[in-house]
């Protein structure tokens, strides 16, 4: 269960024994604090994960704030 300022687990992750959290990011004093675990054999996967995930999250947040639907 998520705390008051934490994101809930994605529905496809809840209850899965094979799922592993690999990244946590927090805003502290206006800066970003990140912790991560090695999870990929190729380091370029981290770049792909961060770029794709941030873009997707921003799009969802923007749409939710504007009450739009992503196409």
PDB file of N, CA and C in Angstrom:
ATOM      1  N   UNK A   1       0.841  -1.190   0.000  1.00  0.00           N
ATOM      2  CA  UNK A   1       0.000   0.000   0.000  1.00  0.00           C
ATOM      3  C   UNK A   1       0.879   1.242   0.000  1.00  0.00           C
ATOM      4  N   UNK A   2       0.523   2.231  -0.775  1.00  0.00           N
ATOM      5  CA  UNK A   2       1.302   3.454  -0.898  1.00  0.00           C
ATOM      6  C   UNK A   2       1.010   4.397   0.260  1.00  0.00           C
ATOM      7  N   UNK A   3       2.035   5.164   0.641  1.00  0.00           N
ATOM      8  CA  UNK A   3       1.877   6.189   1.656  1.00  0.00           C
ATOM      9  C   UNK A   3       1.222   7.417   1.052  1.00  0.00           C
ATOM     10  N   UNK A   4       1.051   8.480   1.845  1.00  0.00           N
ATOM     11  CA  UNK A   4       0.324   9.662   1.381  1.00  0.00           C
ATOM     12  C   UNK A   4       0.974  10.384   0.204  1.00  0.00           C
ATOM     13  N   UNK A   5       2.278  10.294   0.028  1.00  0.00           N
ATOM     14  CA  UNK A   5       2.953  10.961  -1.082  1.00  0.00           C
ATOM     15  C   UNK A   5       3.664   9.955  -1.982  1.00  0.00           C
ATOM     16  N   UNK A   6       3.210   8.718  -1.992  1.00  0.00           N
ATOM     17  CA  UNK A   6       3.805   7.678  -2.817  1.00  0.00           C
ATOM     18  C   UNK A   6       2.830   7.237  -3.891  1.00  0.00           C
ATOM     19  N   UNK A   7       3.381   6.784  -4.995  1.00  0.00           N
ATOM     20  CA  UNK A   7       2.568   6.245  -6.077  1.00  0.00           C
ATOM     21  C   UNK A   7       2.140   4.824  -5.720  1.00  0.00           C
ATOM     22  N   UNK A   8       0.948   4.429  -6.100  1.00  0.00           N
ATOM     23  CA  UNK A   8       0.529   3.040  -5.874  1.00  0.00           C
ATOM     24  C   UNK A   8       1.262   2.114  -6.839  1.00  0.00           C
ATOM     25  N   UNK A   9       1.289   0.847  -6.504  1.00  0.00           N
ATOM     26  CA  UNK A   9       1.884  -0.140  -7.411  1.00  0.00           C
ATOM     27  C   UNK A   9       1.042  -0.233  -8.678  1.00  0.00           C
ATOM     28  N   UNK A  10       1.684  -0.421  -9.820  1.00  0.00           N
ATOM     29  CA  UNK A  10       0.908  -0.658 -11.045  1.00  0.00           C
ATOM     30  C   UNK A  10       0.097  -1.943 -10.899  1.00  0.00           C
ATOM     31  N   UNK A  11      -1.094  -1.993 -11.446  1.00  0.00           N
ATOM     32  CA  UNK A  11      -1.953  -3.164 -11.278  1.00  0.00           C
ATOM     33  C   UNK A  11      -1.317  -4.477 -11.723  1.00  0.00           C
ATOM     34  N   UNK A  12      -0.488  -4.447 -12.768  1.00  0.00           N
ATOM     35  CA  UNK A  12       0.107  -5.690 -13.255  1.00  0.00           C
ATOM     36  C   UNK A  12       1.285  -6.160 -12.405  1.00  0.00           C
ATOM     37  N   UNK A  13       1.680  -5.363 -11.410  1.00  0.00           N
ATOM     38  CA  UNK A  13       2.808  -5.709 -10.542  1.00  0.00           C
ATOM     39  C   UNK A  13       2.334  -6.282  -9.205  1.00  0.00           C
ATOM     40  N   UNK A  14       1.209  -5.799  -8.715  1.00  0.00           N
ATOM     41  CA  UNK A  14       0.707  -6.204  -7.402  1.00  0.00           C
ATOM     42  C   UNK A  14       0.586  -7.722  -7.304  1.00  0.00           C
ATOM     43  N   UNK A  15       1.183  -8.264  -6.266  1.00  0.00           N
ATOM     44  CA  UNK A  15       1.092  -9.695  -6.012  1.00  0.00           C
ATOM     45  C   UNK A  15       2.041 -10.558  -6.827  1.00  0.00           C
ATOM     46  N   UNK A  16       2.885  -9.967  -7.664  1.00  0.00           N
ATOM     47  CA  UNK A  16       3.808 -10.734  -8.502  1.00  0.00           C
ATOM     48  C   UNK A  16       5.109 -10.971  -7.756  1.00  0.00           C
ATOM     49  N   UNK A  17       5.503 -12.209  -7.606  1.00  0.00           N
ATOM     50  CA  UNK A  17       6.762 -12.559  -6.958  1.00  0.00           C
ATOM     51  C   UNK A  17       7.959 -12.271  -7.860  1.00  0.00           C
ATOM     52  N   UNK A  18       7.752 -12.227  -9.176  1.00  0.00           N
ATOM     53  CA  UNK A  18       8.859 -12.017 -10.109  1.00  0.00           C
ATOM     54  C   UNK A  18       9.100 -10.547 -10.424  1.00  0.00           C
ATOM     55  N   UNK A  19       8.322  -9.638  -9.841  1.00  0.00           N
ATOM     56  CA  UNK A  19       8.507  -8.204 -10.071  1.00  0.00           C
ATOM     57  C   UNK A  19       9.547  -7.661  -9.096  1.00  0.00           C
ATOM     58  N   UNK A  20      10.363  -6.724  -9.579  1.00  0.00           N
ATOM     59  CA  UNK A  20      11.374  -6.099  -8.728  1.00  0.00           C
ATOM     60  C   UNK A  20      11.366  -4.599  -8.966  1.00  0.00           C
ATOM     61  N   UNK A  21      11.326  -3.842  -7.899  1.00  0.00           N
ATOM     62  CA  UNK A  21      11.419  -2.394  -8.013  1.00  0.00           C
ATOM     63  C   UNK A  21      12.867  -2.045  -8.338  1.00  0.00           C
ATOM     64  N   UNK A  22      13.072  -1.230  -9.360  1.00  0.00           N
ATOM     65  CA  UNK A  22      14.435  -0.905  -9.776  1.00  0.00           C
ATOM     66  C   UNK A  22      14.750   0.578  -9.682  1.00  0.00           C
ATOM     67  N   UNK A  23      13.750   1.430  -9.485  1.00  0.00           N
ATOM     68  CA  UNK A  23      13.992   2.870  -9.477  1.00  0.00           C
ATOM     69  C   UNK A  23      13.036   3.568  -8.525  1.00  0.00           C
ATOM     70  N   UNK A  24      13.585   4.481  -7.723  1.00  0.00           N
ATOM     71  CA  UNK A  24      12.783   5.372  -6.883  1.00  0.00           C
ATOM     72  C   UNK A  24      13.308   6.776  -7.074  1.00  0.00           C
ATOM     73  N   UNK A  25      12.425   7.724  -7.200  1.00  0.00           N
ATOM     74  CA  UNK A  25      12.823   9.116  -7.365  1.00  0.00           C
ATOM     75  C   UNK A  25      11.965   9.996  -6.466  1.00  0.00           C
ATOM     76  N   UNK A  26      12.614  10.932  -5.793  1.00  0.00           N
ATOM     77  CA  UNK A  26      11.929  11.834  -4.865  1.00  0.00           C
ATOM     78  C   UNK A  26      12.383  13.264  -5.120  1.00  0.00           C
ATOM     79  N   UNK A  27      11.493  14.207  -4.904  1.00  0.00           N
ATOM     80  CA  UNK A  27      11.852  15.619  -4.930  1.00  0.00           C
ATOM     81  C   UNK A  27      12.109  16.026  -3.489  1.00  0.00           C
ATOM     82  N   UNK A  28      13.321  16.546  -3.233  1.00  0.00           N
ATOM     83  CA  UNK A  28      13.721  16.968  -1.897  1.00  0.00           C
ATOM     84  C   UNK A  28      14.390  18.332  -2.015  1.00  0.00           C
ATOM     85  N   UNK A  29      13.877  19.308  -1.298  1.00  0.00           N
ATOM     86  CA  UNK A  29      14.436  20.664  -1.329  1.00  0.00           C
ATOM     87  C   UNK A  29      14.589  21.185  -2.759  1.00  0.00           C
ATOM     88  N   UNK A  30      13.627  20.880  -3.612  1.00  0.00           N
ATOM     89  CA  UNK A  30      13.645  21.363  -4.986  1.00  0.00           C
ATOM     90  C   UNK A  30      14.556  20.589  -5.922  1.00  0.00           C
ATOM     91  N   UNK A  31      15.223  19.564  -5.436  1.00  0.00           N
ATOM     92  CA  UNK A  31      16.116  18.741  -6.263  1.00  0.00           C
ATOM     93  C   UNK A  31      15.589  17.331  -6.380  1.00  0.00           C
ATOM     94  N   UNK A  32      16.230  16.548  -7.213  1.00  0.00           N
ATOM     95  CA  UNK A  32      15.811  15.178  -7.458  1.00  0.00           C
ATOM     96  C   UNK A  32      16.782  14.212  -6.795  1.00  0.00           C
ATOM     97  N   UNK A  33      16.258  13.279  -6.022  1.00  0.00           N
ATOM     98  CA  UNK A  33      17.055  12.240  -5.384  1.00  0.00           C
ATOM     99  C   UNK A  33      16.600  10.896  -5.944  1.00  0.00           C
ATOM    100  N   UNK A  34      17.542  10.121  -6.491  1.00  0.00           N
ATOM    101  CA  UNK A  34      17.207   8.870  -7.168  1.00  0.00           C
ATOM    102  C   UNK A  34      18.007   7.718  -6.576  1.00  0.00           C
ATOM    103  N   UNK A  35      17.342   6.589  -6.417  1.00  0.00           N
ATOM    104  CA  UNK A  35      18.005   5.339  -6.025  1.00  0.00           C
ATOM    105  C   UNK A  35      17.593   4.277  -7.032  1.00  0.00           C
ATOM    106  N   UNK A  36      18.551   3.463  -7.469  1.00  0.00           N
ATOM    107  CA  UNK A  36      18.206   2.404  -8.410  1.00  0.00           C
ATOM    108  C   UNK A  36      19.060   1.173  -8.178  1.00  0.00           C
ATOM    109  N   UNK A  37      18.556   0.047  -8.654  1.00  0.00           N
ATOM    110  CA  UNK A  37      19.263  -1.233  -8.593  1.00  0.00           C
ATOM    111  C   UNK A  37      19.610  -1.653 -10.014  1.00  0.00           C
ATOM    112  N   UNK A  38      20.732  -2.317 -10.172  1.00  0.00           N
ATOM    113  CA  UNK A  38      21.085  -2.841 -11.485  1.00  0.00           C
ATOM    114  C   UNK A  38      20.063  -3.915 -11.849  1.00  0.00           C
ATOM    115  N   UNK A  39      19.480  -3.747 -13.016  1.00  0.00           N
ATOM    116  CA  UNK A  39      18.428  -4.677 -13.416  1.00  0.00           C
ATOM    117  C   UNK A  39      18.542  -5.111 -14.866  1.00  0.00           C
ATOM    118  N   UNK A  40      19.392  -4.445 -15.630  1.00  0.00           N
ATOM    119  CA  UNK A  40      19.500  -4.737 -17.059  1.00  0.00           C
ATOM    120  C   UNK A  40      20.938  -5.109 -17.402  1.00  0.00           C
ATOM    121  N   UNK A  41      21.102  -6.012 -18.349  1.00  0.00           N
ATOM    122  CA  UNK A  41      22.437  -6.395 -18.792  1.00  0.00           C
ATOM    123  C   UNK A  41      23.101  -5.287 -19.603  1.00  0.00           C
ATOM    124  N   UNK A  42      22.312  -4.537 -20.333  1.00  0.00           N
ATOM    125  CA  UNK A  42      22.842  -3.467 -21.187  1.00  0.00           C
ATOM    126  C   UNK A  42      22.535  -2.110 -20.562  1.00  0.00           C
ATOM    127  N   UNK A  43      23.553  -1.252 -20.378  1.00  0.00           N
ATOM    128  CA  UNK A  43      23.316   0.057 -19.746  1.00  0.00           C
ATOM    129  C   UNK A  43      22.416   0.979 -20.552  1.00  0.00           C
ATOM    130  N   UNK A  44      22.340   0.795 -21.868  1.00  0.00           N
ATOM    131  CA  UNK A  44      21.484   1.675 -22.663  1.00  0.00           C
ATOM    132  C   UNK A  44      20.005   1.478 -22.355  1.00  0.00           C
ATOM    133  N   UNK A  45      19.655   0.360 -21.733  1.00  0.00           N
ATOM    134  CA  UNK A  45      18.260   0.144 -21.324  1.00  0.00           C
ATOM    135  C   UNK A  45      17.824   1.178 -20.290  1.00  0.00           C
ATOM    136  N   UNK A  46      18.758   1.649 -19.435  1.00  0.00           N
ATOM    137  CA  UNK A  46      18.411   2.683 -18.452  1.00  0.00           C
ATOM    138  C   UNK A  46      18.016   3.967 -19.159  1.00  0.00           C
ATOM    139  N   UNK A  47      18.742   4.332 -20.200  1.00  0.00           N
ATOM    140  CA  UNK A  47      18.389   5.526 -20.962  1.00  0.00           C
ATOM    141  C   UNK A  47      17.016   5.404 -21.582  1.00  0.00           C
ATOM    142  N   UNK A  48      16.760   4.249 -22.169  1.00  0.00           N
ATOM    143  CA  UNK A  48      15.459   4.001 -22.782  1.00  0.00           C
ATOM    144  C   UNK A  48      14.353   4.039 -21.732  1.00  0.00           C
ATOM    145  N   UNK A  49      14.575   3.398 -20.615  1.00  0.00           N
ATOM    146  CA  UNK A  49      13.579   3.385 -19.534  1.00  0.00           C
ATOM    147  C   UNK A  49      13.283   4.796 -19.052  1.00  0.00           C
ATOM    148  N   UNK A  50      14.313   5.585 -18.811  1.00  0.00           N
ATOM    149  CA  UNK A  50      14.109   6.927 -18.276  1.00  0.00           C
ATOM    150  C   UNK A  50      13.436   7.849 -19.285  1.00  0.00           C
ATOM    151  N   UNK A  51      13.825   7.792 -20.523  1.00  0.00           N
ATOM    152  CA  UNK A  51      13.229   8.659 -21.534  1.00  0.00           C
ATOM    153  C   UNK A  51      11.784   8.257 -21.807  1.00  0.00           C
ATOM    154  N   UNK A  52      11.544   6.984 -22.078  1.00  0.00           N
ATOM    155  CA  UNK A  52      10.187   6.526 -22.378  1.00  0.00           C
ATOM    156  C   UNK A  52       9.259   6.719 -21.190  1.00  0.00           C
ATOM    157  N   UNK A  53       9.718   6.353 -20.001  1.00  0.00           N
ATOM    158  CA  UNK A  53       8.878   6.428 -18.811  1.00  0.00           C
ATOM    159  C   UNK A  53       8.543   7.873 -18.464  1.00  0.00           C
ATOM    160  N   UNK A  54       9.509   8.756 -18.500  1.00  0.00           N
ATOM    161  CA  UNK A  54       9.250  10.159 -18.159  1.00  0.00           C
ATOM    162  C   UNK A  54       8.291  10.788 -19.150  1.00  0.00           C
ATOM    163  N   UNK A  55       8.474  10.504 -20.435  1.00  0.00           N
ATOM    164  CA  UNK A  55       7.580  11.073 -21.445  1.00  0.00           C
ATOM    165  C   UNK A  55       6.162  10.568 -21.252  1.00  0.00           C
ATOM    166  N   UNK A  56       6.019   9.284 -21.002  1.00  0.00           N
ATOM    167  CA  UNK A  56       4.698   8.695 -20.819  1.00  0.00           C
ATOM    168  C   UNK A  56       4.021   9.235 -19.557  1.00  0.00           C
ATOM    169  N   UNK A  57       4.780   9.332 -18.468  1.00  0.00           N
ATOM    170  CA  UNK A  57       4.223   9.852 -17.213  1.00  0.00           C
ATOM    171  C   UNK A  57       3.801  11.305 -17.358  1.00  0.00           C
ATOM    172  N   UNK A  58       4.618  12.095 -18.044  1.00  0.00           N
ATOM    173  CA  UNK A  58       4.258  13.500 -18.240  1.00  0.00           C
ATOM    174  C   UNK A  58       2.999  13.624 -19.086  1.00  0.00           C
ATOM    175  N   UNK A  59       2.884  12.795 -20.110  1.00  0.00           N
ATOM    176  CA  UNK A  59       1.693  12.841 -20.965  1.00  0.00           C
ATOM    177  C   UNK A  59       0.451  12.487 -20.159  1.00  0.00           C
ATOM    178  N   UNK A  60       0.538  11.434 -19.321  1.00  0.00           N
ATOM    179  CA  UNK A  60      -0.612  11.048 -18.497  1.00  0.00           C
ATOM    180  C   UNK A  60      -0.973  12.152 -17.511  1.00  0.00           C
ATOM    181  N   UNK A  61       0.033  12.743 -16.863  1.00  0.00           N
ATOM    182  CA  UNK A  61      -0.220  13.802 -15.887  1.00  0.00           C
ATOM    183  C   UNK A  61      -0.834  15.021 -16.564  1.00  0.00           C
ATOM    184  N   UNK A  62      -0.330  15.376 -17.741  1.00  0.00           N
ATOM    185  CA  UNK A  62      -0.879  16.508 -18.476  1.00  0.00           C
ATOM    186  C   UNK A  62      -2.329  16.252 -18.853  1.00  0.00           C
ATOM    187  N   UNK A  63      -2.590  15.061 -19.375  1.00  0.00           N
ATOM    188  CA  UNK A  63      -3.956  14.719 -19.778  1.00  0.00           C
ATOM    189  C   UNK A  63      -4.901  14.704 -18.580  1.00  0.00           C
ATOM    190  N   UNK A  64      -4.448  14.178 -17.470  1.00  0.00           N
ATOM    191  CA  UNK A  64      -5.287  14.124 -16.274  1.00  0.00           C
ATOM    192  C   UNK A  64      -5.593  15.532 -15.771  1.00  0.00           C
ATOM    193  N   UNK A  65      -4.584  16.416 -15.810  1.00  0.00           N
ATOM    194  CA  UNK A  65      -4.771  17.777 -15.347  1.00  0.00           C
ATOM    195  C   UNK A  65      -5.697  18.574 -16.250  1.00  0.00           C
ATOM    196  N   UNK A  66      -5.681  18.260 -17.532  1.00  0.00           N
ATOM    197  CA  UNK A  66      -6.508  18.967 -18.502  1.00  0.00           C
ATOM    198  C   UNK A  66      -7.789  18.190 -18.834  1.00  0.00           C
ATOM    199  N   UNK A  67      -7.937  17.032 -18.197  1.00  0.00           N
ATOM    200  CA  UNK A  67      -9.081  16.146 -18.441  1.00  0.00           C
ATOM    201  C   UNK A  67      -9.194  15.757 -19.918  1.00  0.00           C
ATOM    202  N   UNK A  68      -8.041  15.427 -20.479  1.00  0.00           N
ATOM    203  CA  UNK A  68      -7.966  14.977 -21.864  1.00  0.00           C
ATOM    204  C   UNK A  68      -7.762  13.479 -21.900  1.00  0.00           C
ATOM    205  N   UNK A  69      -7.945  12.891 -23.054  1.00  0.00           N
ATOM    206  CA  UNK A  69      -7.687  11.468 -23.238  1.00  0.00           C
ATOM    207  C   UNK A  69      -6.522  11.314 -24.190  1.00  0.00           C
ATOM    208  N   UNK A  70      -5.583  10.437 -23.830  1.00  0.00           N
ATOM    209  CA  UNK A  70      -4.473  10.148 -24.743  1.00  0.00           C
ATOM    210  C   UNK A  70      -4.968   9.291 -25.872  1.00  0.00           C
ATOM    211  N   UNK A  71      -4.496   9.586 -27.060  1.00  0.00           N
ATOM    212  CA  UNK A  71      -4.916   8.824 -28.225  1.00  0.00           C
ATOM    213  C   UNK A  71      -3.937   7.777 -28.630  1.00  0.00           C
TER     214      UNK A  71
END
